[in-house]
């Protein structure tokens, strides 16, 4: 993989093992052959997209790569060739919350809240810049092993493209499933509620159901998402707000951060 920018020397990357698979494409660890720095590269196949969707994607990349915030992973550069787009991001000494949950089990409410507060700061910054994350879950939340910094990754990148990603069904808002609207700031709040459940129980909602279509049916048909047994009344109140079937009645990221559950655990 070769990065060419006007007035700058070429940068060569060698792709390594796959770190995961986010929206629209896999993410690989990559070695900068010029400096030895470890990076992450997300690859998106443009040939699989209609022309107007590819144009939309490229426009959004131009916006996203200008963003900078301590609680989001910054996009360093973009490499485009005839059939793919490669987005280069800092990798660093990070683990995802998915890895942490797998290694240590579910979190108590205090620890979950400590993670959610910086996530909300990053999410509020994205939403303030008209960027919808579109894929909030523990796999897309990174923690630095050296200083504990929490960062959102996997955000943006053609959130308005069609087709449901059934692998992410457990985190999807009902209006997305019913194709009433594209992903929005308020569907991000629904997904964040699912992520809190994932933190305090170790699993997303409806994890006991193997069939993705059945999960989608339950999300749409149930009056509310099943809440964790034994959770505090303040967490129950927060999650109930997150899972309001009317997106307009869900809190935004800024209002979310003022909720008593977060305030008392900070």
C-alpha atoms as a PDB file:
ATOM      1  CA  UNK A   1       0.000   0.000   0.000  1.00  0.00           C
ATOM      2  CA  UNK A   2       1.525   3.331  -1.084  1.00  0.00           C
ATOM      3  CA  UNK A   3       0.427   6.779   0.124  1.00  0.00           C
ATOM      4  CA  UNK A   4       1.127   9.584  -2.332  1.00  0.00           C
ATOM      5  CA  UNK A   5       0.492  13.207  -1.341  1.00  0.00           C
ATOM      6  CA  UNK A   6       1.504  16.282  -3.313  1.00  0.00           C
ATOM      7  CA  UNK A   7       4.856  17.663  -2.218  1.00  0.00           C
ATOM      8  CA  UNK A   8       5.556  14.802   0.186  1.00  0.00           C
ATOM      9  CA  UNK A   9       7.649  11.627  -0.147  1.00  0.00           C
ATOM     10  CA  UNK A  10       5.778   8.392  -0.759  1.00  0.00           C
ATOM     11  CA  UNK A  11       4.876   6.369   2.331  1.00  0.00           C
ATOM     12  CA  UNK A  12       4.794   2.591   1.993  1.00  0.00           C
ATOM     13  CA  UNK A  13       2.665   0.383   4.238  1.00  0.00           C
ATOM     14  CA  UNK A  14       2.633  -3.387   4.610  1.00  0.00           C
ATOM     15  CA  UNK A  15      -0.659  -4.883   5.763  1.00  0.00           C
ATOM     16  CA  UNK A  16      -0.577  -7.429   8.573  1.00  0.00           C
ATOM     17  CA  UNK A  17      -3.221  -9.351  10.494  1.00  0.00           C
ATOM     18  CA  UNK A  18      -6.882  -8.389  10.394  1.00  0.00           C
ATOM     19  CA  UNK A  19      -7.992  -6.535  13.525  1.00  0.00           C
ATOM     20  CA  UNK A  20     -11.705  -6.721  12.856  1.00  0.00           C
ATOM     21  CA  UNK A  21     -14.481  -5.994  10.396  1.00  0.00           C
ATOM     22  CA  UNK A  22     -16.339  -2.717  10.730  1.00  0.00           C
ATOM     23  CA  UNK A  23     -19.019  -1.121   8.629  1.00  0.00           C
ATOM     24  CA  UNK A  24     -18.214  -1.420   4.926  1.00  0.00           C
ATOM     25  CA  UNK A  25     -14.913  -3.212   5.261  1.00  0.00           C
ATOM     26  CA  UNK A  26     -12.144  -4.982   7.204  1.00  0.00           C
ATOM     27  CA  UNK A  27      -9.531  -3.247   9.366  1.00  0.00           C
ATOM     28  CA  UNK A  28      -5.897  -4.416   9.266  1.00  0.00           C
ATOM     29  CA  UNK A  29      -2.821  -3.687  11.297  1.00  0.00           C
ATOM     30  CA  UNK A  30      -0.237  -2.036   9.046  1.00  0.00           C
ATOM     31  CA  UNK A  31       3.459  -1.246   9.315  1.00  0.00           C
ATOM     32  CA  UNK A  32       4.760   2.081   8.012  1.00  0.00           C
ATOM     33  CA  UNK A  33       7.852   0.910   6.132  1.00  0.00           C
ATOM     34  CA  UNK A  34       9.322   4.433   6.223  1.00  0.00           C
ATOM     35  CA  UNK A  35       9.185   4.986   9.990  1.00  0.00           C
ATOM     36  CA  UNK A  36       8.348   1.642  11.594  1.00  0.00           C
ATOM     37  CA  UNK A  37       5.197   3.139  13.122  1.00  0.00           C
ATOM     38  CA  UNK A  38       2.266   0.765  13.603  1.00  0.00           C
ATOM     39  CA  UNK A  39      -1.002   1.942  12.045  1.00  0.00           C
ATOM     40  CA  UNK A  40      -4.474   0.594  11.329  1.00  0.00           C
ATOM     41  CA  UNK A  41      -5.931   0.541   7.813  1.00  0.00           C
ATOM     42  CA  UNK A  42      -9.618   0.240   6.952  1.00  0.00           C
ATOM     43  CA  UNK A  43     -10.254  -0.965   3.390  1.00  0.00           C
ATOM     44  CA  UNK A  44     -13.477  -0.260   1.498  1.00  0.00           C
ATOM     45  CA  UNK A  45     -14.188  -1.793  -1.909  1.00  0.00           C
ATOM     46  CA  UNK A  46     -15.467   0.981  -4.174  1.00  0.00           C
ATOM     47  CA  UNK A  47     -16.375  -1.415  -6.973  1.00  0.00           C
ATOM     48  CA  UNK A  48     -19.176  -2.800  -4.786  1.00  0.00           C
ATOM     49  CA  UNK A  49     -20.827   0.641  -4.537  1.00  0.00           C
ATOM     50  CA  UNK A  50     -23.002   2.522  -6.972  1.00  0.00           C
ATOM     51  CA  UNK A  51     -21.373   5.654  -8.378  1.00  0.00           C
ATOM     52  CA  UNK A  52     -23.448   8.099  -6.309  1.00  0.00           C
ATOM     53  CA  UNK A  53     -22.692   6.154  -3.121  1.00  0.00           C
ATOM     54  CA  UNK A  54     -18.961   6.116  -3.874  1.00  0.00           C
ATOM     55  CA  UNK A  55     -19.065   9.897  -4.386  1.00  0.00           C
ATOM     56  CA  UNK A  56     -20.926  10.300  -1.083  1.00  0.00           C
ATOM     57  CA  UNK A  57     -18.305   8.179   0.646  1.00  0.00           C
ATOM     58  CA  UNK A  58     -15.402  10.214  -0.730  1.00  0.00           C
ATOM     59  CA  UNK A  59     -17.036  13.467   0.358  1.00  0.00           C
ATOM     60  CA  UNK A  60     -17.531  12.171   3.871  1.00  0.00           C
ATOM     61  CA  UNK A  61     -13.930  10.984   4.087  1.00  0.00           C
ATOM     62  CA  UNK A  62     -12.820  14.546   3.284  1.00  0.00           C
ATOM     63  CA  UNK A  63     -14.858  15.775   6.260  1.00  0.00           C
ATOM     64  CA  UNK A  64     -13.910  13.011   8.686  1.00  0.00           C
ATOM     65  CA  UNK A  65     -10.149  13.241   8.132  1.00  0.00           C
ATOM     66  CA  UNK A  66     -10.225  16.885   9.290  1.00  0.00           C
ATOM     67  CA  UNK A  67     -11.756  15.978  12.666  1.00  0.00           C
ATOM     68  CA  UNK A  68      -9.619  16.030  15.805  1.00  0.00           C
ATOM     69  CA  UNK A  69     -10.693  15.245  19.367  1.00  0.00           C
ATOM     70  CA  UNK A  70      -9.027  13.415  22.288  1.00  0.00           C
ATOM     71  CA  UNK A  71     -11.863  10.863  22.411  1.00  0.00           C
ATOM     72  CA  UNK A  72     -11.991   9.860  18.745  1.00  0.00           C
ATOM     73  CA  UNK A  73      -9.433   8.017  16.645  1.00  0.00           C
ATOM     74  CA  UNK A  74      -8.031  10.480  14.124  1.00  0.00           C
ATOM     75  CA  UNK A  75      -7.910   9.495  10.460  1.00  0.00           C
ATOM     76  CA  UNK A  76      -4.364  10.202   9.315  1.00  0.00           C
ATOM     77  CA  UNK A  77      -4.643   9.876   5.546  1.00  0.00           C
ATOM     78  CA  UNK A  78      -6.527   8.228   2.704  1.00  0.00           C
ATOM     79  CA  UNK A  79      -5.167   6.073  -0.117  1.00  0.00           C
ATOM     80  CA  UNK A  80      -7.386   5.645  -3.173  1.00  0.00           C
ATOM     81  CA  UNK A  81      -6.797   3.326  -6.089  1.00  0.00           C
ATOM     82  CA  UNK A  82      -9.041   2.122  -8.913  1.00  0.00           C
ATOM     83  CA  UNK A  83     -11.214  -0.230  -6.878  1.00  0.00           C
ATOM     84  CA  UNK A  84     -10.677   0.508  -3.187  1.00  0.00           C
ATOM     85  CA  UNK A  85     -10.276   3.175  -0.544  1.00  0.00           C
ATOM     86  CA  UNK A  86      -7.824   2.663   2.334  1.00  0.00           C
ATOM     87  CA  UNK A  87      -8.164   4.852   5.425  1.00  0.00           C
ATOM     88  CA  UNK A  88      -5.031   5.069   7.573  1.00  0.00           C
ATOM     89  CA  UNK A  89      -5.502   5.573  11.329  1.00  0.00           C
ATOM     90  CA  UNK A  90      -3.230   5.612  14.350  1.00  0.00           C
ATOM     91  CA  UNK A  91      -3.069   2.203  16.000  1.00  0.00           C
ATOM     92  CA  UNK A  92      -1.035   2.649  19.171  1.00  0.00           C
ATOM     93  CA  UNK A  93      -1.104   0.429  22.245  1.00  0.00           C
ATOM     94  CA  UNK A  94      -4.884   0.036  22.349  1.00  0.00           C
ATOM     95  CA  UNK A  95      -7.368  -2.686  23.189  1.00  0.00           C
ATOM     96  CA  UNK A  96     -11.040  -2.599  22.328  1.00  0.00           C
ATOM     97  CA  UNK A  97     -13.595  -2.824  25.126  1.00  0.00           C
ATOM     98  CA  UNK A  98     -14.654  -6.085  23.476  1.00  0.00           C
ATOM     99  CA  UNK A  99     -11.206  -7.504  24.273  1.00  0.00           C
ATOM    100  CA  UNK A 100     -11.392  -6.152  27.828  1.00  0.00           C
ATOM    101  CA  UNK A 101     -14.827  -7.693  28.405  1.00  0.00           C
ATOM    102  CA  UNK A 102     -13.624 -11.017  27.028  1.00  0.00           C
ATOM    103  CA  UNK A 103     -10.577 -10.992  29.302  1.00  0.00           C
ATOM    104  CA  UNK A 104     -12.143  -9.721  32.539  1.00  0.00           C
ATOM    105  CA  UNK A 105     -15.900 -10.170  32.281  1.00  0.00           C
ATOM    106  CA  UNK A 106     -18.707  -7.659  32.638  1.00  0.00           C
ATOM    107  CA  UNK A 107     -18.247  -4.297  34.360  1.00  0.00           C
ATOM    108  CA  UNK A 108     -19.974  -2.904  37.432  1.00  0.00           C
ATOM    109  CA  UNK A 109     -22.016   0.257  36.900  1.00  0.00           C
ATOM    110  CA  UNK A 110     -19.283   2.530  38.242  1.00  0.00           C
ATOM    111  CA  UNK A 111     -16.721   1.290  35.724  1.00  0.00           C
ATOM    112  CA  UNK A 112     -19.234   1.305  32.863  1.00  0.00           C
ATOM    113  CA  UNK A 113     -20.059   4.952  33.612  1.00  0.00           C
ATOM    114  CA  UNK A 114     -16.352   5.845  33.684  1.00  0.00           C
ATOM    115  CA  UNK A 115     -16.072   4.533  30.118  1.00  0.00           C
ATOM    116  CA  UNK A 116     -19.320   6.092  28.905  1.00  0.00           C
ATOM    117  CA  UNK A 117     -18.424   9.678  29.897  1.00  0.00           C
ATOM    118  CA  UNK A 118     -15.455  10.073  27.477  1.00  0.00           C
ATOM    119  CA  UNK A 119     -17.416   8.161  24.837  1.00  0.00           C
ATOM    120  CA  UNK A 120     -20.153  10.786  25.116  1.00  0.00           C
ATOM    121  CA  UNK A 121     -17.586  13.576  24.759  1.00  0.00           C
ATOM    122  CA  UNK A 122     -16.343  12.051  21.514  1.00  0.00           C
ATOM    123  CA  UNK A 123     -19.880  11.363  20.322  1.00  0.00           C
ATOM    124  CA  UNK A 124     -21.008  14.928  21.065  1.00  0.00           C
ATOM    125  CA  UNK A 125     -18.041  16.218  19.053  1.00  0.00           C
ATOM    126  CA  UNK A 126     -18.971  14.008  16.082  1.00  0.00           C
ATOM    127  CA  UNK A 127     -22.627  15.013  16.218  1.00  0.00           C
ATOM    128  CA  UNK A 128     -21.643  18.697  16.468  1.00  0.00           C
ATOM    129  CA  UNK A 129     -19.795  18.208  13.174  1.00  0.00           C
ATOM    130  CA  UNK A 130     -22.808  16.517  11.555  1.00  0.00           C
ATOM    131  CA  UNK A 131     -21.171  13.097  11.655  1.00  0.00           C
ATOM    132  CA  UNK A 132     -23.219  10.092  12.731  1.00  0.00           C
ATOM    133  CA  UNK A 133     -21.178   7.254  14.192  1.00  0.00           C
ATOM    134  CA  UNK A 134     -23.507   4.546  12.899  1.00  0.00           C
ATOM    135  CA  UNK A 135     -21.827   1.560  14.571  1.00  0.00           C
ATOM    136  CA  UNK A 136     -21.511   2.097  18.334  1.00  0.00           C
ATOM    137  CA  UNK A 137     -20.601  -1.100  20.193  1.00  0.00           C
ATOM    138  CA  UNK A 138     -17.725  -2.261  22.396  1.00  0.00           C
ATOM    139  CA  UNK A 139     -15.664  -3.358  19.374  1.00  0.00           C
ATOM    140  CA  UNK A 140     -15.479   0.289  18.299  1.00  0.00           C
ATOM    141  CA  UNK A 141     -14.403   1.684  21.665  1.00  0.00           C
ATOM    142  CA  UNK A 142     -10.645   1.651  22.277  1.00  0.00           C
ATOM    143  CA  UNK A 143      -8.736   2.101  25.516  1.00  0.00           C
ATOM    144  CA  UNK A 144      -5.065   2.987  25.662  1.00  0.00           C
ATOM    145  CA  UNK A 145      -3.122   0.475  27.751  1.00  0.00           C
ATOM    146  CA  UNK A 146      -0.657   3.120  28.947  1.00  0.00           C
ATOM    147  CA  UNK A 147      -2.819   6.077  29.983  1.00  0.00           C
ATOM    148  CA  UNK A 148      -6.392   4.748  29.910  1.00  0.00           C
ATOM    149  CA  UNK A 149      -7.607   7.206  27.260  1.00  0.00           C
ATOM    150  CA  UNK A 150     -10.913   6.111  25.718  1.00  0.00           C
ATOM    151  CA  UNK A 151     -11.514   6.699  22.005  1.00  0.00           C
ATOM    152  CA  UNK A 152     -14.314   6.022  19.533  1.00  0.00           C
ATOM    153  CA  UNK A 153     -13.402   4.441  16.232  1.00  0.00           C
ATOM    154  CA  UNK A 154     -15.379   3.060  13.298  1.00  0.00           C
ATOM    155  CA  UNK A 155     -17.458   6.210  12.905  1.00  0.00           C
ATOM    156  CA  UNK A 156     -18.952   7.830   9.838  1.00  0.00           C
ATOM    157  CA  UNK A 157     -18.024   6.651   6.361  1.00  0.00           C
ATOM    158  CA  UNK A 158     -21.184   6.622   4.288  1.00  0.00           C
ATOM    159  CA  UNK A 159     -23.630   5.967   7.083  1.00  0.00           C
ATOM    160  CA  UNK A 160     -26.403   6.801   4.607  1.00  0.00           C
ATOM    161  CA  UNK A 161     -25.583   3.959   2.239  1.00  0.00           C
ATOM    162  CA  UNK A 162     -28.340   1.385   1.794  1.00  0.00           C
ATOM    163  CA  UNK A 163     -28.584  -2.181   3.113  1.00  0.00           C
ATOM    164  CA  UNK A 164     -28.723  -3.495   6.636  1.00  0.00           C
ATOM    165  CA  UNK A 165     -25.689  -5.068   8.218  1.00  0.00           C
ATOM    166  CA  UNK A 166     -27.348  -8.016   9.918  1.00  0.00           C
ATOM    167  CA  UNK A 167     -24.187  -8.814  11.871  1.00  0.00           C
ATOM    168  CA  UNK A 168     -24.923  -5.689  13.924  1.00  0.00           C
ATOM    169  CA  UNK A 169     -28.643  -6.390  14.423  1.00  0.00           C
ATOM    170  CA  UNK A 170     -28.504  -6.384  18.236  1.00  0.00           C
ATOM    171  CA  UNK A 171     -27.443  -2.724  18.320  1.00  0.00           C
ATOM    172  CA  UNK A 172     -29.833  -1.414  15.670  1.00  0.00           C
ATOM    173  CA  UNK A 173     -32.584   1.105  16.392  1.00  0.00           C
ATOM    174  CA  UNK A 174     -36.100   0.139  15.274  1.00  0.00           C
ATOM    175  CA  UNK A 175     -36.429   3.023  12.809  1.00  0.00           C
ATOM    176  CA  UNK A 176     -33.323   1.748  10.995  1.00  0.00           C
ATOM    177  CA  UNK A 177     -34.701  -1.786  10.779  1.00  0.00           C
ATOM    178  CA  UNK A 178     -38.020  -0.510   9.427  1.00  0.00           C
ATOM    179  CA  UNK A 179     -36.176   1.701   6.902  1.00  0.00           C
ATOM    180  CA  UNK A 180     -37.942   4.788   8.218  1.00  0.00           C
ATOM    181  CA  UNK A 181     -34.721   6.802   8.268  1.00  0.00           C
ATOM    182  CA  UNK A 182     -30.972   6.465   7.741  1.00  0.00           C
ATOM    183  CA  UNK A 183     -28.759   6.214  10.836  1.00  0.00           C
ATOM    184  CA  UNK A 184     -28.957   9.430  12.852  1.00  0.00           C
ATOM    185  CA  UNK A 185     -27.633  11.008  16.028  1.00  0.00           C
ATOM    186  CA  UNK A 186     -30.650   9.537  17.833  1.00  0.00           C
ATOM    187  CA  UNK A 187     -30.048   6.014  16.499  1.00  0.00           C
ATOM    188  CA  UNK A 188     -26.514   6.419  17.895  1.00  0.00           C
ATOM    189  CA  UNK A 189     -28.104   6.996  21.320  1.00  0.00           C
ATOM    190  CA  UNK A 190     -30.130   3.770  20.964  1.00  0.00           C
ATOM    191  CA  UNK A 191     -26.938   1.870  20.092  1.00  0.00           C
ATOM    192  CA  UNK A 192     -25.123   3.459  23.032  1.00  0.00           C
ATOM    193  CA  UNK A 193     -27.864   2.139  25.327  1.00  0.00           C
ATOM    194  CA  UNK A 194     -27.281  -1.343  23.897  1.00  0.00           C
ATOM    195  CA  UNK A 195     -23.554  -0.862  24.495  1.00  0.00           C
ATOM    196  CA  UNK A 196     -24.144   0.000  28.161  1.00  0.00           C
ATOM    197  CA  UNK A 197     -26.112  -3.244  28.515  1.00  0.00           C
ATOM    198  CA  UNK A 198     -23.209  -5.017  26.808  1.00  0.00           C
ATOM    199  CA  UNK A 199     -20.798  -3.544  29.364  1.00  0.00           C
ATOM    200  CA  UNK A 200     -22.766  -4.417  32.505  1.00  0.00           C
ATOM    201  CA  UNK A 201     -23.933  -7.892  31.398  1.00  0.00           C
ATOM    202  CA  UNK A 202     -21.177  -8.968  28.999  1.00  0.00           C
ATOM    203  CA  UNK A 203     -23.648  -9.354  26.120  1.00  0.00           C
ATOM    204  CA  UNK A 204     -25.779  -7.116  23.882  1.00  0.00           C
ATOM    205  CA  UNK A 205     -29.584  -7.279  24.061  1.00  0.00           C
ATOM    206  CA  UNK A 206     -31.195 -10.431  22.622  1.00  0.00           C
ATOM    207  CA  UNK A 207     -27.867 -12.280  22.576  1.00  0.00           C
ATOM    208  CA  UNK A 208     -29.763 -15.513  23.314  1.00  0.00           C
ATOM    209  CA  UNK A 209     -31.423 -15.316  19.867  1.00  0.00           C
ATOM    210  CA  UNK A 210     -29.214 -16.710  17.099  1.00  0.00           C
ATOM    211  CA  UNK A 211     -31.271 -15.632  14.078  1.00  0.00           C
ATOM    212  CA  UNK A 212     -30.655 -12.001  13.089  1.00  0.00           C
ATOM    213  CA  UNK A 213     -34.091 -11.538  11.541  1.00  0.00           C
ATOM    214  CA  UNK A 214     -35.701 -12.711  14.776  1.00  0.00           C
ATOM    215  CA  UNK A 215     -33.593 -10.186  16.687  1.00  0.00           C
ATOM    216  CA  UNK A 216     -34.779  -7.419  14.366  1.00  0.00           C
ATOM    217  CA  UNK A 217     -38.397  -8.514  14.800  1.00  0.00           C
ATOM    218  CA  UNK A 218     -38.077  -8.389  18.586  1.00  0.00           C
ATOM    219  CA  UNK A 219     -36.460  -4.936  18.517  1.00  0.00           C
ATOM    220  CA  UNK A 220     -39.355  -3.575  16.477  1.00  0.00           C
ATOM    221  CA  UNK A 221     -42.153  -5.540  18.168  1.00  0.00           C
ATOM    222  CA  UNK A 222     -41.174  -5.405  21.864  1.00  0.00           C
ATOM    223  CA  UNK A 223     -42.428  -2.436  23.844  1.00  0.00           C
ATOM    224  CA  UNK A 224     -38.891  -1.876  25.129  1.00  0.00           C
ATOM    225  CA  UNK A 225     -35.509  -3.595  25.174  1.00  0.00           C
ATOM    226  CA  UNK A 226     -35.180  -6.027  28.134  1.00  0.00           C
ATOM    227  CA  UNK A 227     -33.205  -4.215  30.833  1.00  0.00           C
ATOM    228  CA  UNK A 228     -30.506  -5.909  32.956  1.00  0.00           C
ATOM    229  CA  UNK A 229     -31.767  -7.603  36.100  1.00  0.00           C
ATOM    230  CA  UNK A 230     -30.624  -5.894  39.283  1.00  0.00           C
ATOM    231  CA  UNK A 231     -29.503  -2.655  37.661  1.00  0.00           C
ATOM    232  CA  UNK A 232     -29.929   0.576  39.615  1.00  0.00           C
ATOM    233  CA  UNK A 233     -33.038   2.714  39.226  1.00  0.00           C
ATOM    234  CA  UNK A 234     -30.980   5.544  37.701  1.00  0.00           C
ATOM    235  CA  UNK A 235     -29.490   3.241  35.060  1.00  0.00           C
ATOM    236  CA  UNK A 236     -32.949   1.831  34.355  1.00  0.00           C
ATOM    237  CA  UNK A 237     -34.220   5.391  33.824  1.00  0.00           C
ATOM    238  CA  UNK A 238     -31.356   6.241  31.481  1.00  0.00           C
ATOM    239  CA  UNK A 239     -31.799   3.092  29.390  1.00  0.00           C
ATOM    240  CA  UNK A 240     -35.547   3.643  29.188  1.00  0.00           C
ATOM    241  CA  UNK A 241     -34.838   7.065  27.663  1.00  0.00           C
ATOM    242  CA  UNK A 242     -32.314   5.576  25.217  1.00  0.00           C
ATOM    243  CA  UNK A 243     -34.843   2.988  24.046  1.00  0.00           C
ATOM    244  CA  UNK A 244     -37.766   5.318  23.394  1.00  0.00           C
ATOM    245  CA  UNK A 245     -39.333   4.157  20.120  1.00  0.00           C
ATOM    246  CA  UNK A 246     -39.724   7.816  19.121  1.00  0.00           C
ATOM    247  CA  UNK A 247     -36.204   8.990  18.156  1.00  0.00           C
ATOM    248  CA  UNK A 248     -37.101  12.624  18.842  1.00  0.00           C
ATOM    249  CA  UNK A 249     -37.707  11.782  22.513  1.00  0.00           C
ATOM    250  CA  UNK A 250     -34.282  10.237  23.081  1.00  0.00           C
ATOM    251  CA  UNK A 251     -31.672  12.488  24.736  1.00  0.00           C
ATOM    252  CA  UNK A 252     -28.855  13.908  22.658  1.00  0.00           C
ATOM    253  CA  UNK A 253     -25.259  13.197  23.661  1.00  0.00           C
ATOM    254  CA  UNK A 254     -24.934  16.424  25.657  1.00  0.00           C
ATOM    255  CA  UNK A 255     -28.157  15.859  27.640  1.00  0.00           C
ATOM    256  CA  UNK A 256     -27.213  12.199  28.099  1.00  0.00           C
ATOM    257  CA  UNK A 257     -23.990  13.236  29.877  1.00  0.00           C
ATOM    258  CA  UNK A 258     -26.000  15.218  32.449  1.00  0.00           C
ATOM    259  CA  UNK A 259     -28.050  12.210  33.581  1.00  0.00           C
ATOM    260  CA  UNK A 260     -27.876  11.347  37.281  1.00  0.00           C
ATOM    261  CA  UNK A 261     -26.508   7.847  36.598  1.00  0.00           C
ATOM    262  CA  UNK A 262     -23.375   9.359  35.083  1.00  0.00           C
ATOM    263  CA  UNK A 263     -23.136  12.234  37.533  1.00  0.00           C
ATOM    264  CA  UNK A 264     -23.233   9.996  40.610  1.00  0.00           C
ATOM    265  CA  UNK A 265     -20.678   7.555  39.169  1.00  0.00           C
ATOM    266  CA  UNK A 266     -18.166  10.177  38.014  1.00  0.00           C
END
